[in-house]
């Protein structure tokens, strides 16, 4: 879905991802007995902003269109399973991932550690390499770049304390090591705070001989 950045509501949502979170969730049947976690992300391409959603069910974005899109705008949906079947071991892909790289800071005995963001580029890169090892893909130090690192400050719910979330966008080339793990991470996402526009990885196939 294309976003209209001349709308005040869109500009507010671009700085407060909880607003997009609410719009995304309300585009699905809220009466379902078991709520599915839907992944979403804001992408920028050729000066335009887009809302991408990955979900098990097709959304009804009518209300989101009214709030955030140009007048008369629609939205497009595609089946994801045929794409997932193309994920094979040893294949290489261009990837884009916006994620919340974190670690657990040690606490006292019998105390749960505090979750903290990786704030340096070096640690953010190490985090992604480790995630690849966990989720069935391989990236090397020279195979990807950090495109953006941005803090968001917002209230998850009315009346609650403000939270801070670091969003980091990675782009590069990955190699599939375990195709089942990669398929799973493409549908489940990576890292924390997935409800707020991070965690969704997208892939475009690298043609043989181009890289």
Protein backbone atom coordinates (compact mmCIF):
# COMPACT_ATOMS: atom_id res chain seq x y z
CA UNK A 1 0.00 0.00 0.00
CA UNK A 2 1.37 3.40 -1.01
CA UNK A 3 1.49 6.02 1.76
CA UNK A 4 0.60 9.68 1.38
CA UNK A 5 3.22 11.64 3.33
CA UNK A 6 1.26 14.87 2.88
CA UNK A 7 -1.33 13.54 5.33
CA UNK A 8 -0.80 14.54 8.94
CA UNK A 9 -1.83 11.08 10.15
CA UNK A 10 0.82 9.43 7.96
CA UNK A 11 3.56 11.71 9.27
CA UNK A 12 2.50 10.95 12.84
CA UNK A 13 2.57 7.21 12.17
CA UNK A 14 6.01 7.34 10.54
CA UNK A 15 7.39 8.61 13.83
CA UNK A 16 5.11 6.52 16.08
CA UNK A 17 4.91 2.92 14.80
CA UNK A 18 2.21 2.05 17.32
CA UNK A 19 -0.22 3.92 15.04
CA UNK A 20 0.61 1.67 12.08
CA UNK A 21 0.45 -1.32 14.44
CA UNK A 22 -3.14 -0.46 15.34
CA UNK A 23 -4.10 0.04 11.69
CA UNK A 24 -2.54 -3.26 10.64
CA UNK A 25 -4.22 -5.25 13.41
CA UNK A 26 -7.61 -3.67 12.76
CA UNK A 27 -7.44 -4.77 9.12
CA UNK A 28 -7.91 -8.39 10.22
CA UNK A 29 -10.84 -10.23 11.80
CA UNK A 30 -10.61 -9.30 15.48
CA UNK A 31 -13.05 -12.08 16.45
CA UNK A 32 -10.59 -14.88 15.64
CA UNK A 33 -10.14 -17.21 18.62
CA UNK A 34 -6.38 -17.22 18.11
CA UNK A 35 -4.77 -14.03 16.93
CA UNK A 36 -1.95 -14.43 14.44
CA UNK A 37 1.11 -12.20 14.66
CA UNK A 38 1.32 -10.21 11.44
CA UNK A 39 4.63 -8.82 10.23
CA UNK A 40 4.81 -5.41 8.60
CA UNK A 41 7.38 -2.86 7.51
CA UNK A 42 7.61 0.60 5.98
CA UNK A 43 9.80 0.71 2.87
CA UNK A 44 10.98 3.72 0.89
CA UNK A 45 11.60 3.38 -2.85
CA UNK A 46 12.18 6.15 -5.41
CA UNK A 47 10.89 8.77 -3.01
CA UNK A 48 7.69 6.90 -2.17
CA UNK A 49 6.75 5.18 1.08
CA UNK A 50 5.02 1.79 1.17
CA UNK A 51 3.39 -0.34 3.85
CA UNK A 52 4.25 -4.04 3.44
CA UNK A 53 2.33 -6.69 5.41
CA UNK A 54 2.99 -10.42 5.69
CA UNK A 55 0.04 -12.36 7.11
CA UNK A 56 -1.76 -15.69 6.97
CA UNK A 57 -5.06 -14.03 6.12
CA UNK A 58 -5.76 -11.34 3.54
CA UNK A 59 -6.22 -7.93 5.18
CA UNK A 60 -8.97 -5.43 4.57
CA UNK A 61 -7.04 -2.18 4.37
CA UNK A 62 -10.02 0.07 3.67
CA UNK A 63 -9.63 1.99 6.93
CA UNK A 64 -5.84 2.20 6.59
CA UNK A 65 -6.28 3.57 3.06
CA UNK A 66 -8.50 6.34 4.42
CA UNK A 67 -5.96 7.26 7.09
CA UNK A 68 -2.63 6.92 5.32
CA UNK A 69 -2.94 6.51 1.54
CA UNK A 70 -3.59 8.84 -1.40
CA UNK A 71 -7.24 9.35 -2.30
CA UNK A 72 -8.50 6.54 -4.54
CA UNK A 73 -5.54 4.29 -3.68
CA UNK A 74 -6.02 0.52 -3.44
CA UNK A 75 -3.80 -2.32 -2.28
CA UNK A 76 -2.38 -5.49 -3.80
CA UNK A 77 -1.98 -8.96 -2.29
CA UNK A 78 0.07 -11.98 -3.35
CA UNK A 79 0.22 -15.60 -2.22
CA UNK A 80 3.50 -16.24 -0.39
CA UNK A 81 3.72 -20.05 -0.47
CA UNK A 82 4.86 -20.30 -4.12
CA UNK A 83 7.75 -17.96 -3.29
CA UNK A 84 8.71 -19.93 -0.18
CA UNK A 85 9.01 -23.07 -2.30
CA UNK A 86 11.79 -21.38 -4.28
CA UNK A 87 13.99 -21.13 -1.17
CA UNK A 88 16.61 -23.85 -1.60
CA UNK A 89 19.82 -24.70 0.22
CA UNK A 90 22.95 -23.03 -1.24
CA UNK A 91 20.90 -20.42 -3.14
CA UNK A 92 21.84 -16.76 -2.74
CA UNK A 93 19.47 -13.85 -2.26
CA UNK A 94 19.44 -10.09 -1.94
CA UNK A 95 17.86 -9.40 1.44
CA UNK A 96 16.39 -6.45 3.26
CA UNK A 97 15.67 -6.64 6.98
CA UNK A 98 14.50 -4.00 9.41
CA UNK A 99 15.02 -5.36 12.91
CA UNK A 100 15.45 -4.50 16.59
CA UNK A 101 18.91 -5.88 17.50
CA UNK A 102 19.07 -6.45 21.27
CA UNK A 103 20.91 -8.35 23.98
CA UNK A 104 20.17 -9.26 27.58
CA UNK A 105 22.26 -7.33 30.08
CA UNK A 106 23.42 -9.46 33.00
CA UNK A 107 21.70 -8.87 36.35
CA UNK A 108 22.21 -10.12 39.89
CA UNK A 109 21.74 -13.71 40.97
CA UNK A 110 18.22 -15.02 40.38
CA UNK A 111 17.32 -11.79 38.59
CA UNK A 112 16.27 -11.47 34.99
CA UNK A 113 18.62 -9.42 32.85
CA UNK A 114 17.45 -6.20 31.23
CA UNK A 115 16.90 -6.13 27.46
CA UNK A 116 19.10 -3.49 25.81
CA UNK A 117 19.59 -2.36 22.22
CA UNK A 118 22.83 -2.83 20.33
CA UNK A 119 23.74 0.79 19.63
CA UNK A 120 27.08 0.46 17.81
CA UNK A 121 27.36 -0.56 14.17
CA UNK A 122 29.89 -3.25 15.07
CA UNK A 123 27.54 -4.95 17.53
CA UNK A 124 24.58 -4.54 15.19
CA UNK A 125 26.54 -6.36 12.50
CA UNK A 126 27.59 -9.13 14.89
CA UNK A 127 23.96 -9.53 15.93
CA UNK A 128 22.85 -10.14 12.33
CA UNK A 129 25.62 -12.67 11.70
CA UNK A 130 24.53 -14.54 14.85
CA UNK A 131 20.88 -14.44 13.77
CA UNK A 132 21.90 -16.03 10.49
CA UNK A 133 23.56 -18.89 12.35
CA UNK A 134 20.37 -19.41 14.36
CA UNK A 135 17.96 -19.12 11.45
CA UNK A 136 19.62 -21.05 8.64
CA UNK A 137 21.35 -18.41 6.53
CA UNK A 138 24.90 -17.14 6.22
CA UNK A 139 26.13 -13.57 5.89
CA UNK A 140 29.71 -12.35 6.09
CA UNK A 141 31.15 -9.03 7.24
CA UNK A 142 31.50 -7.80 3.66
CA UNK A 143 28.20 -9.16 2.29
CA UNK A 144 25.81 -6.61 3.84
CA UNK A 145 25.46 -2.99 4.94
CA UNK A 146 23.54 -1.10 7.59
CA UNK A 147 21.33 1.36 5.71
CA UNK A 148 19.65 3.06 8.65
CA UNK A 149 19.68 3.08 12.44
CA UNK A 150 16.84 5.02 14.04
CA UNK A 151 15.29 5.40 17.49
CA UNK A 152 11.52 5.54 18.00
CA UNK A 153 9.89 6.77 21.21
CA UNK A 154 6.19 6.04 21.70
CA UNK A 155 3.53 4.74 24.07
CA UNK A 156 2.38 1.20 23.29
CA UNK A 157 -0.97 1.86 24.98
CA UNK A 158 -2.67 4.95 26.37
CA UNK A 159 -1.52 5.78 29.87
CA UNK A 160 1.56 3.56 29.76
CA UNK A 161 5.11 4.81 30.08
CA UNK A 162 6.94 5.77 26.91
CA UNK A 163 9.09 3.05 25.36
CA UNK A 164 12.16 3.42 23.18
CA UNK A 165 12.87 1.08 20.25
CA UNK A 166 15.90 1.00 17.98
CA UNK A 167 15.14 0.09 14.36
CA UNK A 168 18.06 -0.98 12.16
CA UNK A 169 17.77 -1.67 8.43
CA UNK A 170 20.19 -4.15 6.85
CA UNK A 171 20.68 -4.88 3.14
CA UNK A 172 22.99 -7.31 1.39
CA UNK A 173 23.48 -10.85 0.14
CA UNK A 174 22.78 -14.02 2.10
CA UNK A 175 23.28 -17.70 1.39
CA UNK A 176 20.65 -20.25 2.40
CA UNK A 177 22.14 -22.96 4.62
CA UNK A 178 18.95 -24.58 5.95
CA UNK A 179 15.96 -23.93 3.69
CA UNK A 180 13.33 -24.94 6.26
CA UNK A 181 14.74 -22.56 8.87
CA UNK A 182 14.85 -19.73 6.34
CA UNK A 183 11.24 -20.35 5.29
CA UNK A 184 10.24 -20.25 8.94
CA UNK A 185 12.07 -17.01 9.68
CA UNK A 186 10.55 -15.38 6.60
CA UNK A 187 7.07 -16.02 8.01
CA UNK A 188 7.83 -15.64 11.73
CA UNK A 189 10.26 -12.72 11.61
CA UNK A 190 13.53 -11.99 13.44
CA UNK A 191 14.10 -10.38 16.81
CA UNK A 192 11.88 -8.48 19.23
CA UNK A 193 9.10 -5.87 18.84
CA UNK A 194 7.66 -7.44 15.68
CA UNK A 195 4.33 -5.73 16.27
CA UNK A 196 5.96 -2.37 15.64
CA UNK A 197 7.30 -2.68 12.10
CA UNK A 198 10.51 -4.62 12.66
CA UNK A 199 11.45 -8.27 12.08
CA UNK A 200 10.26 -8.72 8.50
CA UNK A 201 12.93 -9.98 6.09
CA UNK A 202 12.32 -9.87 2.34
CA UNK A 203 14.35 -11.61 -0.38
CA UNK A 204 15.02 -11.17 -4.10
CA UNK A 205 16.83 -13.95 -5.92
CA UNK A 206 20.40 -13.36 -7.08
CA UNK A 207 20.72 -14.45 -10.70
CA UNK A 208 23.61 -16.80 -11.37
CA UNK A 209 26.73 -14.94 -12.37
CA UNK A 210 25.54 -11.48 -11.28
CA UNK A 211 27.22 -11.48 -7.87
